[in-house]
């Protein structure tokens, strides 16, 4: 039970941190797309033709369009052989160097 305490100790803080990380990564992808493709990767939605630049929601819509390709990629990645995992600490005393 000891090994899962770290995740459940502060779930609200961790949820916020993961959300901020995901939004930051989406923003970085958006900047990269703007640098590589300009504004060609998105177009203003029909209900807001005055929109000047893309948002994170537009990037999510782009990813959603390509969800089948992402699924194929993830299933192919799942077929790769995984390296052996190290054992996690079980709370037992270990010998210390020193």
PDB file of N, CA and C in Angstrom:
ATOM      1  N   UNK A   1       0.812  -1.199   0.000  1.00  0.00           N
ATOM      2  CA  UNK A   1       0.000   0.000   0.000  1.00  0.00           C
ATOM      3  C   UNK A   1       0.855   1.262   0.000  1.00  0.00           C
ATOM      4  N   UNK A   2       2.061   1.120   0.485  1.00  0.00           N
ATOM      5  CA  UNK A   2       2.971   2.262   0.594  1.00  0.00           C
ATOM      6  C   UNK A   2       3.258   2.905  -0.761  1.00  0.00           C
ATOM      7  N   UNK A   3       3.403   2.101  -1.810  1.00  0.00           N
ATOM      8  CA  UNK A   3       3.839   2.635  -3.098  1.00  0.00           C
ATOM      9  C   UNK A   3       2.798   3.517  -3.778  1.00  0.00           C
ATOM     10  N   UNK A   4       1.519   3.399  -3.419  1.00  0.00           N
ATOM     11  CA  UNK A   4       0.515   4.225  -4.094  1.00  0.00           C
ATOM     12  C   UNK A   4       0.107   5.438  -3.269  1.00  0.00           C
ATOM     13  N   UNK A   5       0.718   5.649  -2.126  1.00  0.00           N
ATOM     14  CA  UNK A   5       0.378   6.790  -1.293  1.00  0.00           C
ATOM     15  C   UNK A   5       0.769   8.119  -1.929  1.00  0.00           C
ATOM     16  N   UNK A   6       1.846   8.134  -2.686  1.00  0.00           N
ATOM     17  CA  UNK A   6       2.327   9.381  -3.279  1.00  0.00           C
ATOM     18  C   UNK A   6       1.291   9.982  -4.228  1.00  0.00           C
ATOM     19  N   UNK A   7       0.598   9.159  -4.986  1.00  0.00           N
ATOM     20  CA  UNK A   7      -0.372   9.685  -5.939  1.00  0.00           C
ATOM     21  C   UNK A   7      -1.642  10.161  -5.246  1.00  0.00           C
ATOM     22  N   UNK A   8      -2.070   9.491  -4.188  1.00  0.00           N
ATOM     23  CA  UNK A   8      -3.334   9.842  -3.545  1.00  0.00           C
ATOM     24  C   UNK A   8      -3.180  10.879  -2.450  1.00  0.00           C
ATOM     25  N   UNK A   9      -1.967  11.302  -2.172  1.00  0.00           N
ATOM     26  CA  UNK A   9      -1.755  12.247  -1.082  1.00  0.00           C
ATOM     27  C   UNK A   9      -2.422  13.590  -1.368  1.00  0.00           C
ATOM     28  N   UNK A  10      -2.236  14.127  -2.551  1.00  0.00           N
ATOM     29  CA  UNK A  10      -2.826  15.411  -2.910  1.00  0.00           C
ATOM     30  C   UNK A  10      -3.414  15.327  -4.319  1.00  0.00           C
ATOM     31  N   UNK A  11      -4.553  14.643  -4.477  1.00  0.00           N
ATOM     32  CA  UNK A  11      -5.077  14.413  -5.829  1.00  0.00           C
ATOM     33  C   UNK A  11      -5.495  15.693  -6.553  1.00  0.00           C
ATOM     34  N   UNK A  12      -6.001  16.687  -5.834  1.00  0.00           N
ATOM     35  CA  UNK A  12      -6.438  17.919  -6.498  1.00  0.00           C
ATOM     36  C   UNK A  12      -5.234  18.660  -7.060  1.00  0.00           C
ATOM     37  N   UNK A  13      -4.171  18.756  -6.266  1.00  0.00           N
ATOM     38  CA  UNK A  13      -2.962  19.421  -6.737  1.00  0.00           C
ATOM     39  C   UNK A  13      -2.375  18.687  -7.936  1.00  0.00           C
ATOM     40  N   UNK A  14      -2.321  17.365  -7.878  1.00  0.00           N
ATOM     41  CA  UNK A  14      -1.760  16.598  -8.993  1.00  0.00           C
ATOM     42  C   UNK A  14      -2.619  16.735 -10.243  1.00  0.00           C
ATOM     43  N   UNK A  15      -3.938  16.742 -10.081  1.00  0.00           N
ATOM     44  CA  UNK A  15      -4.824  16.926 -11.228  1.00  0.00           C
ATOM     45  C   UNK A  15      -4.565  18.277 -11.879  1.00  0.00           C
ATOM     46  N   UNK A  16      -4.419  19.307 -11.067  1.00  0.00           N
ATOM     47  CA  UNK A  16      -4.134  20.644 -11.584  1.00  0.00           C
ATOM     48  C   UNK A  16      -2.789  20.660 -12.312  1.00  0.00           C
ATOM     49  N   UNK A  17      -1.788  20.019 -11.726  1.00  0.00           N
ATOM     50  CA  UNK A  17      -0.466  19.996 -12.348  1.00  0.00           C
ATOM     51  C   UNK A  17      -0.496  19.273 -13.693  1.00  0.00           C
ATOM     52  N   UNK A  18      -1.194  18.162 -13.759  1.00  0.00           N
ATOM     53  CA  UNK A  18      -1.287  17.406 -15.019  1.00  0.00           C
ATOM     54  C   UNK A  18      -2.045  18.221 -16.063  1.00  0.00           C
ATOM     55  N   UNK A  19      -3.099  18.901 -15.635  1.00  0.00           N
ATOM     56  CA  UNK A  19      -3.860  19.729 -16.567  1.00  0.00           C
ATOM     57  C   UNK A  19      -3.001  20.875 -17.103  1.00  0.00           C
ATOM     58  N   UNK A  20      -2.250  21.531 -16.244  1.00  0.00           N
ATOM     59  CA  UNK A  20      -1.384  22.630 -16.686  1.00  0.00           C
ATOM     60  C   UNK A  20      -0.283  22.125 -17.624  1.00  0.00           C
ATOM     61  N   UNK A  21       0.256  20.960 -17.330  1.00  0.00           N
ATOM     62  CA  UNK A  21       1.268  20.373 -18.207  1.00  0.00           C
ATOM     63  C   UNK A  21       0.677  20.075 -19.585  1.00  0.00           C
ATOM     64  N   UNK A  22      -0.513  19.475 -19.604  1.00  0.00           N
ATOM     65  CA  UNK A  22      -1.155  19.144 -20.882  1.00  0.00           C
ATOM     66  C   UNK A  22      -1.461  20.406 -21.688  1.00  0.00           C
ATOM     67  N   UNK A  23      -1.970  21.438 -21.025  1.00  0.00           N
ATOM     68  CA  UNK A  23      -2.269  22.681 -21.735  1.00  0.00           C
ATOM     69  C   UNK A  23      -0.996  23.352 -22.248  1.00  0.00           C
ATOM     70  N   UNK A  24       0.076  23.281 -21.464  1.00  0.00           N
ATOM     71  CA  UNK A  24       1.355  23.855 -21.905  1.00  0.00           C
ATOM     72  C   UNK A  24       1.891  23.118 -23.127  1.00  0.00           C
ATOM     73  N   UNK A  25       1.790  21.789 -23.107  1.00  0.00           N
ATOM     74  CA  UNK A  25       2.246  21.009 -24.263  1.00  0.00           C
ATOM     75  C   UNK A  25       1.402  21.299 -25.501  1.00  0.00           C
ATOM     76  N   UNK A  26       0.095  21.450 -25.311  1.00  0.00           N
ATOM     77  CA  UNK A  26      -0.761  21.802 -26.445  1.00  0.00           C
ATOM     78  C   UNK A  26      -0.379  23.170 -27.010  1.00  0.00           C
ATOM     79  N   UNK A  27      -0.078  24.111 -26.123  1.00  0.00           N
ATOM     80  CA  UNK A  27       0.315  25.446 -26.579  1.00  0.00           C
ATOM     81  C   UNK A  27       1.633  25.387 -27.356  1.00  0.00           C
ATOM     82  N   UNK A  28       2.577  24.566 -26.890  1.00  0.00           N
ATOM     83  CA  UNK A  28       3.841  24.413 -27.615  1.00  0.00           C
ATOM     84  C   UNK A  28       3.624  23.809 -29.002  1.00  0.00           C
ATOM     85  N   UNK A  29       2.739  22.817 -29.082  1.00  0.00           N
ATOM     86  CA  UNK A  29       2.423  22.224 -30.388  1.00  0.00           C
ATOM     87  C   UNK A  29       1.800  23.279 -31.298  1.00  0.00           C
ATOM     88  N   UNK A  30       0.928  24.096 -30.725  1.00  0.00           N
ATOM     89  CA  UNK A  30       0.305  25.159 -31.513  1.00  0.00           C
ATOM     90  C   UNK A  30       1.360  26.121 -32.058  1.00  0.00           C
ATOM     91  N   UNK A  31       2.327  26.518 -31.241  1.00  0.00           N
ATOM     92  CA  UNK A  31       3.386  27.419 -31.705  1.00  0.00           C
ATOM     93  C   UNK A  31       4.219  26.767 -32.807  1.00  0.00           C
ATOM     94  N   UNK A  32       4.511  25.478 -32.642  1.00  0.00           N
ATOM     95  CA  UNK A  32       5.282  24.764 -33.672  1.00  0.00           C
ATOM     96  C   UNK A  32       4.511  24.692 -34.989  1.00  0.00           C
ATOM     97  N   UNK A  33       3.211  24.421 -34.902  1.00  0.00           N
ATOM     98  CA  UNK A  33       2.397  24.375 -36.122  1.00  0.00           C
ATOM     99  C   UNK A  33       2.351  25.742 -36.795  1.00  0.00           C
ATOM    100  N   UNK A  34       2.216  26.797 -35.996  1.00  0.00           N
ATOM    101  CA  UNK A  34       2.196  28.144 -36.571  1.00  0.00           C
ATOM    102  C   UNK A  34       3.521  28.473 -37.245  1.00  0.00           C
ATOM    103  N   UNK A  35       4.628  28.032 -36.652  1.00  0.00           N
ATOM    104  CA  UNK A  35       5.940  28.286 -37.239  1.00  0.00           C
ATOM    105  C   UNK A  35       6.120  27.497 -38.534  1.00  0.00           C
ATOM    106  N   UNK A  36       5.712  26.239 -38.517  1.00  0.00           N
ATOM    107  CA  UNK A  36       5.925  25.368 -39.677  1.00  0.00           C
ATOM    108  C   UNK A  36       4.937  25.634 -40.813  1.00  0.00           C
ATOM    109  N   UNK A  37       3.681  25.865 -40.467  1.00  0.00           N
ATOM    110  CA  UNK A  37       2.635  25.938 -41.496  1.00  0.00           C
ATOM    111  C   UNK A  37       1.959  27.297 -41.598  1.00  0.00           C
ATOM    112  N   UNK A  38       2.283  28.204 -40.715  1.00  0.00           N
ATOM    113  CA  UNK A  38       1.549  29.464 -40.694  1.00  0.00           C
ATOM    114  C   UNK A  38       0.147  29.214 -40.168  1.00  0.00           C
ATOM    115  N   UNK A  39      -0.806  29.956 -40.690  1.00  0.00           N
ATOM    116  CA  UNK A  39      -2.194  29.780 -40.239  1.00  0.00           C
ATOM    117  C   UNK A  39      -2.973  28.815 -41.122  1.00  0.00           C
ATOM    118  N   UNK A  40      -2.276  28.028 -41.938  1.00  0.00           N
ATOM    119  CA  UNK A  40      -2.971  27.114 -42.851  1.00  0.00           C
ATOM    120  C   UNK A  40      -3.538  25.891 -42.146  1.00  0.00           C
ATOM    121  N   UNK A  41      -3.072  25.551 -40.944  1.00  0.00           N
ATOM    122  CA  UNK A  41      -3.525  24.328 -40.286  1.00  0.00           C
ATOM    123  C   UNK A  41      -4.892  24.487 -39.633  1.00  0.00           C
ATOM    124  N   UNK A  42      -5.413  25.693 -39.585  1.00  0.00           N
ATOM    125  CA  UNK A  42      -6.734  25.904 -38.993  1.00  0.00           C
ATOM    126  C   UNK A  42      -7.457  26.985 -39.784  1.00  0.00           C
ATOM    127  N   UNK A  43      -8.759  26.998 -39.661  1.00  0.00           N
ATOM    128  CA  UNK A  43      -9.562  28.064 -40.258  1.00  0.00           C
ATOM    129  C   UNK A  43     -10.603  28.488 -39.232  1.00  0.00           C
ATOM    130  N   UNK A  44     -11.027  29.736 -39.284  1.00  0.00           N
ATOM    131  CA  UNK A  44     -12.019  30.194 -38.304  1.00  0.00           C
ATOM    132  C   UNK A  44     -13.309  29.388 -38.422  1.00  0.00           C
ATOM    133  N   UNK A  45     -13.932  29.079 -37.303  1.00  0.00           N
ATOM    134  CA  UNK A  45     -15.191  28.326 -37.360  1.00  0.00           C
ATOM    135  C   UNK A  45     -16.297  29.180 -37.991  1.00  0.00           C
ATOM    136  N   UNK A  46     -17.296  28.538 -38.577  1.00  0.00           N
ATOM    137  CA  UNK A  46     -18.362  29.290 -39.262  1.00  0.00           C
ATOM    138  C   UNK A  46     -19.130  30.236 -38.336  1.00  0.00           C
ATOM    139  N   UNK A  47     -19.167  29.940 -37.046  1.00  0.00           N
ATOM    140  CA  UNK A  47     -19.914  30.780 -36.112  1.00  0.00           C
ATOM    141  C   UNK A  47     -19.081  31.969 -35.604  1.00  0.00           C
ATOM    142  N   UNK A  48     -17.774  32.004 -35.955  1.00  0.00           N
ATOM    143  CA  UNK A  48     -16.922  33.107 -35.516  1.00  0.00           C
ATOM    144  C   UNK A  48     -15.879  33.402 -36.599  1.00  0.00           C
ATOM    145  N   UNK A  49     -16.321  33.982 -37.687  1.00  0.00           N
ATOM    146  CA  UNK A  49     -15.430  34.243 -38.817  1.00  0.00           C
ATOM    147  C   UNK A  49     -14.436  35.367 -38.538  1.00  0.00           C
ATOM    148  N   UNK A  50     -14.662  36.145 -37.485  1.00  0.00           N
ATOM    149  CA  UNK A  50     -13.748  37.240 -37.135  1.00  0.00           C
ATOM    150  C   UNK A  50     -12.580  36.771 -36.279  1.00  0.00           C
ATOM    151  N   UNK A  51     -12.523  35.500 -35.979  1.00  0.00           N
ATOM    152  CA  UNK A  51     -11.452  34.969 -35.128  1.00  0.00           C
ATOM    153  C   UNK A  51     -10.104  35.153 -35.820  1.00  0.00           C
ATOM    154  N   UNK A  52      -9.126  35.687 -35.086  1.00  0.00           N
ATOM    155  CA  UNK A  52      -7.841  36.062 -35.685  1.00  0.00           C
ATOM    156  C   UNK A  52      -6.770  34.981 -35.583  1.00  0.00           C
ATOM    157  N   UNK A  53      -6.796  34.156 -34.525  1.00  0.00           N
ATOM    158  CA  UNK A  53      -5.749  33.146 -34.359  1.00  0.00           C
ATOM    159  C   UNK A  53      -6.330  31.899 -33.708  1.00  0.00           C
ATOM    160  N   UNK A  54      -5.591  30.824 -33.812  1.00  0.00           N
ATOM    161  CA  UNK A  54      -6.054  29.532 -33.287  1.00  0.00           C
ATOM    162  C   UNK A  54      -6.002  29.511 -31.764  1.00  0.00           C
ATOM    163  N   UNK A  55      -6.806  28.641 -31.195  1.00  0.00           N
ATOM    164  CA  UNK A  55      -6.821  28.449 -29.745  1.00  0.00           C
ATOM    165  C   UNK A  55      -6.493  26.990 -29.434  1.00  0.00           C
ATOM    166  N   UNK A  56      -6.382  26.691 -28.164  1.00  0.00           N
ATOM    167  CA  UNK A  56      -6.139  25.306 -27.755  1.00  0.00           C
ATOM    168  C   UNK A  56      -7.307  24.422 -28.179  1.00  0.00           C
ATOM    169  N   UNK A  57      -8.506  24.952 -28.139  1.00  0.00           N
ATOM    170  CA  UNK A  57      -9.669  24.184 -28.580  1.00  0.00           C
ATOM    171  C   UNK A  57      -9.557  23.813 -30.063  1.00  0.00           C
ATOM    172  N   UNK A  58      -9.041  24.727 -30.879  1.00  0.00           N
ATOM    173  CA  UNK A  58      -8.832  24.412 -32.302  1.00  0.00           C
ATOM    174  C   UNK A  58      -7.822  23.284 -32.469  1.00  0.00           C
ATOM    175  N   UNK A  59      -6.787  23.296 -31.647  1.00  0.00           N
ATOM    176  CA  UNK A  59      -5.790  22.225 -31.697  1.00  0.00           C
ATOM    177  C   UNK A  59      -6.401  20.894 -31.265  1.00  0.00           C
ATOM    178  N   UNK A  60      -7.250  20.918 -30.246  1.00  0.00           N
ATOM    179  CA  UNK A  60      -7.940  19.694 -29.826  1.00  0.00           C
ATOM    180  C   UNK A  60      -8.822  19.163 -30.949  1.00  0.00           C
ATOM    181  N   UNK A  61      -9.488  20.061 -31.652  1.00  0.00           N
ATOM    182  CA  UNK A  61     -10.320  19.636 -32.788  1.00  0.00           C
ATOM    183  C   UNK A  61      -9.468  18.990 -33.878  1.00  0.00           C
ATOM    184  N   UNK A  62      -8.289  19.555 -34.127  1.00  0.00           N
ATOM    185  CA  UNK A  62      -7.379  18.976 -35.120  1.00  0.00           C
ATOM    186  C   UNK A  62      -6.955  17.569 -34.701  1.00  0.00           C
ATOM    187  N   UNK A  63      -6.583  17.404 -33.429  1.00  0.00           N
ATOM    188  CA  UNK A  63      -6.206  16.076 -32.936  1.00  0.00           C
ATOM    189  C   UNK A  63      -7.384  15.110 -33.029  1.00  0.00           C
ATOM    190  N   UNK A  64      -8.581  15.588 -32.745  1.00  0.00           N
ATOM    191  CA  UNK A  64      -9.762  14.723 -32.784  1.00  0.00           C
ATOM    192  C   UNK A  64     -10.013  14.219 -34.203  1.00  0.00           C
ATOM    193  N   UNK A  65      -9.753  15.053 -35.206  1.00  0.00           N
ATOM    194  CA  UNK A  65      -9.919  14.624 -36.601  1.00  0.00           C
ATOM    195  C   UNK A  65      -9.003  13.451 -36.931  1.00  0.00           C
ATOM    196  N   UNK A  66      -7.842  13.417 -36.309  1.00  0.00           N
ATOM    197  CA  UNK A  66      -6.832  12.399 -36.616  1.00  0.00           C
ATOM    198  C   UNK A  66      -6.743  11.319 -35.538  1.00  0.00           C
ATOM    199  N   UNK A  67      -7.802  11.136 -34.774  1.00  0.00           N
ATOM    200  CA  UNK A  67      -7.768  10.181 -33.658  1.00  0.00           C
ATOM    201  C   UNK A  67      -7.545   8.740 -34.120  1.00  0.00           C
ATOM    202  N   UNK A  68      -8.023   8.380 -35.308  1.00  0.00           N
ATOM    203  CA  UNK A  68      -7.814   7.012 -35.804  1.00  0.00           C
ATOM    204  C   UNK A  68      -6.329   6.757 -36.037  1.00  0.00           C
ATOM    205  N   UNK A  69      -5.623   7.745 -36.579  1.00  0.00           N
ATOM    206  CA  UNK A  69      -4.182   7.590 -36.801  1.00  0.00           C
ATOM    207  C   UNK A  69      -3.427   7.510 -35.473  1.00  0.00           C
ATOM    208  N   UNK A  70      -3.860   8.298 -34.492  1.00  0.00           N
ATOM    209  CA  UNK A  70      -3.232   8.215 -33.170  1.00  0.00           C
ATOM    210  C   UNK A  70      -3.450   6.836 -32.555  1.00  0.00           C
ATOM    211  N   UNK A  71      -4.651   6.294 -32.723  1.00  0.00           N
ATOM    212  CA  UNK A  71      -4.943   4.963 -32.184  1.00  0.00           C
ATOM    213  C   UNK A  71      -4.065   3.906 -32.830  1.00  0.00           C
ATOM    214  N   UNK A  72      -3.877   4.004 -34.141  1.00  0.00           N
ATOM    215  CA  UNK A  72      -3.006   3.052 -34.837  1.00  0.00           C
ATOM    216  C   UNK A  72      -1.576   3.164 -34.332  1.00  0.00           C
ATOM    217  N   UNK A  73      -1.107   4.390 -34.143  1.00  0.00           N
ATOM    218  CA  UNK A  73       0.247   4.597 -33.637  1.00  0.00           C
ATOM    219  C   UNK A  73       0.404   3.995 -32.244  1.00  0.00           C
ATOM    220  N   UNK A  74      -0.568   4.234 -31.372  1.00  0.00           N
ATOM    221  CA  UNK A  74      -0.480   3.701 -30.013  1.00  0.00           C
ATOM    222  C   UNK A  74      -0.525   2.181 -29.999  1.00  0.00           C
ATOM    223  N   UNK A  75      -1.332   1.588 -30.881  1.00  0.00           N
ATOM    224  CA  UNK A  75      -1.378   0.124 -30.914  1.00  0.00           C
ATOM    225  C   UNK A  75      -0.066  -0.450 -31.438  1.00  0.00           C
ATOM    226  N   UNK A  76       0.577   0.238 -32.389  1.00  0.00           N
ATOM    227  CA  UNK A  76       1.885  -0.220 -32.872  1.00  0.00           C
ATOM    228  C   UNK A  76       2.948  -0.069 -31.790  1.00  0.00           C
ATOM    229  N   UNK A  77       2.874   1.009 -31.031  1.00  0.00           N
ATOM    230  CA  UNK A  77       3.830   1.203 -29.939  1.00  0.00           C
ATOM    231  C   UNK A  77       3.663   0.140 -28.861  1.00  0.00           C
ATOM    232  N   UNK A  78       2.439  -0.330 -28.697  1.00  0.00           N
ATOM    233  CA  UNK A  78       2.166  -1.353 -27.689  1.00  0.00           C
ATOM    234  C   UNK A  78       2.813  -2.682 -28.050  1.00  0.00           C
ATOM    235  N   UNK A  79       3.099  -2.894 -29.345  1.00  0.00           N
ATOM    236  CA  UNK A  79       3.713  -4.145 -29.794  1.00  0.00           C
ATOM    237  C   UNK A  79       5.216  -4.208 -29.531  1.00  0.00           C
ATOM    238  N   UNK A  80       5.845  -3.061 -29.277  1.00  0.00           N
ATOM    239  CA  UNK A  80       7.283  -3.056 -29.010  1.00  0.00           C
ATOM    240  C   UNK A  80       7.589  -3.775 -27.702  1.00  0.00           C
ATOM    241  N   UNK A  81       8.728  -4.427 -27.672  1.00  0.00           N
ATOM    242  CA  UNK A  81       9.152  -5.108 -26.450  1.00  0.00           C
ATOM    243  C   UNK A  81       9.588  -4.061 -25.436  1.00  0.00           C
ATOM    244  N   UNK A  82       9.096  -4.204 -24.231  1.00  0.00           N
ATOM    245  CA  UNK A  82       9.423  -3.238 -23.184  1.00  0.00           C
ATOM    246  C   UNK A  82      10.680  -3.675 -22.443  1.00  0.00           C
ATOM    247  N   UNK A  83      11.489  -2.703 -22.021  1.00  0.00           N
ATOM    248  CA  UNK A  83      12.668  -3.066 -21.226  1.00  0.00           C
ATOM    249  C   UNK A  83      12.227  -3.580 -19.859  1.00  0.00           C
ATOM    250  N   UNK A  84      13.043  -4.389 -19.208  1.00  0.00           N
ATOM    251  CA  UNK A  84      12.653  -4.899 -17.891  1.00  0.00           C
ATOM    252  C   UNK A  84      12.519  -3.756 -16.891  1.00  0.00           C
ATOM    253  N   UNK A  85      11.506  -3.841 -16.060  1.00  0.00           N
ATOM    254  CA  UNK A  85      11.240  -2.808 -15.063  1.00  0.00           C
ATOM    255  C   UNK A  85      12.029  -3.086 -13.791  1.00  0.00           C
ATOM    256  N   UNK A  86      12.469  -2.026 -13.145  1.00  0.00           N
ATOM    257  CA  UNK A  86      13.133  -2.198 -11.853  1.00  0.00           C
ATOM    258  C   UNK A  86      12.074  -2.378 -10.785  1.00  0.00           C
ATOM    259  N   UNK A  87      12.419  -3.078  -9.746  1.00  0.00           N
ATOM    260  CA  UNK A  87      11.463  -3.284  -8.663  1.00  0.00           C
ATOM    261  C   UNK A  87      11.367  -2.009  -7.843  1.00  0.00           C
ATOM    262  N   UNK A  88      10.156  -1.689  -7.430  1.00  0.00           N
ATOM    263  CA  UNK A  88       9.953  -0.501  -6.617  1.00  0.00           C
ATOM    264  C   UNK A  88      10.267  -0.815  -5.161  1.00  0.00           C
ATOM    265  N   UNK A  89      10.494   0.207  -4.398  1.00  0.00           N
ATOM    266  CA  UNK A  89      10.842   0.064  -2.986  1.00  0.00           C
ATOM    267  C   UNK A  89       9.628  -0.429  -2.207  1.00  0.00           C
ATOM    268  N   UNK A  90       9.794  -1.481  -1.428  1.00  0.00           N
ATOM    269  CA  UNK A  90       8.672  -2.077  -0.700  1.00  0.00           C
ATOM    270  C   UNK A  90       8.637  -1.691   0.762  1.00  0.00           C
ATOM    271  N   UNK A  91       9.509  -0.792   1.169  1.00  0.00           N
ATOM    272  CA  UNK A  91       9.510  -0.383   2.565  1.00  0.00           C
ATOM    273  C   UNK A  91      10.467  -1.183   3.425  1.00  0.00           C
ATOM    274  N   UNK A  92      11.144  -2.158   2.844  1.00  0.00           N
ATOM    275  CA  UNK A  92      12.090  -2.959   3.610  1.00  0.00           C
ATOM    276  C   UNK A  92      13.403  -2.206   3.741  1.00  0.00           C
ATOM    277  N   UNK A  93      14.095  -2.455   4.829  1.00  0.00           N
ATOM    278  CA  UNK A  93      15.386  -1.820   5.052  1.00  0.00           C
ATOM    279  C   UNK A  93      16.393  -2.322   4.024  1.00  0.00           C
ATOM    280  N   UNK A  94      17.215  -1.431   3.539  1.00  0.00           N
ATOM    281  CA  UNK A  94      18.266  -1.809   2.598  1.00  0.00           C
ATOM    282  C   UNK A  94      19.610  -1.412   3.181  1.00  0.00           C
ATOM    283  N   UNK A  95      20.644  -2.080   2.734  1.00  0.00           N
ATOM    284  CA  UNK A  95      21.990  -1.742   3.204  1.00  0.00           C
ATOM    285  C   UNK A  95      22.421  -0.445   2.548  1.00  0.00           C
ATOM    286  N   UNK A  96      23.007   0.426   3.320  1.00  0.00           N
ATOM    287  CA  UNK A  96      23.453   1.712   2.794  1.00  0.00           C
ATOM    288  C   UNK A  96      24.949   1.706   2.602  1.00  0.00           C
ATOM    289  N   UNK A  97      25.358   2.310   1.523  1.00  0.00           N
ATOM    290  CA  UNK A  97      26.801   2.439   1.295  1.00  0.00           C
ATOM    291  C   UNK A  97      27.324   3.548   2.194  1.00  0.00           C
ATOM    292  N   UNK A  98      28.479   3.350   2.676  1.00  0.00           N
ATOM    293  CA  UNK A  98      28.944   4.477   3.448  1.00  0.00           C
ATOM    294  C   UNK A  98      30.021   4.145   4.319  1.00  0.00           C
TER     295      UNK A  98
END
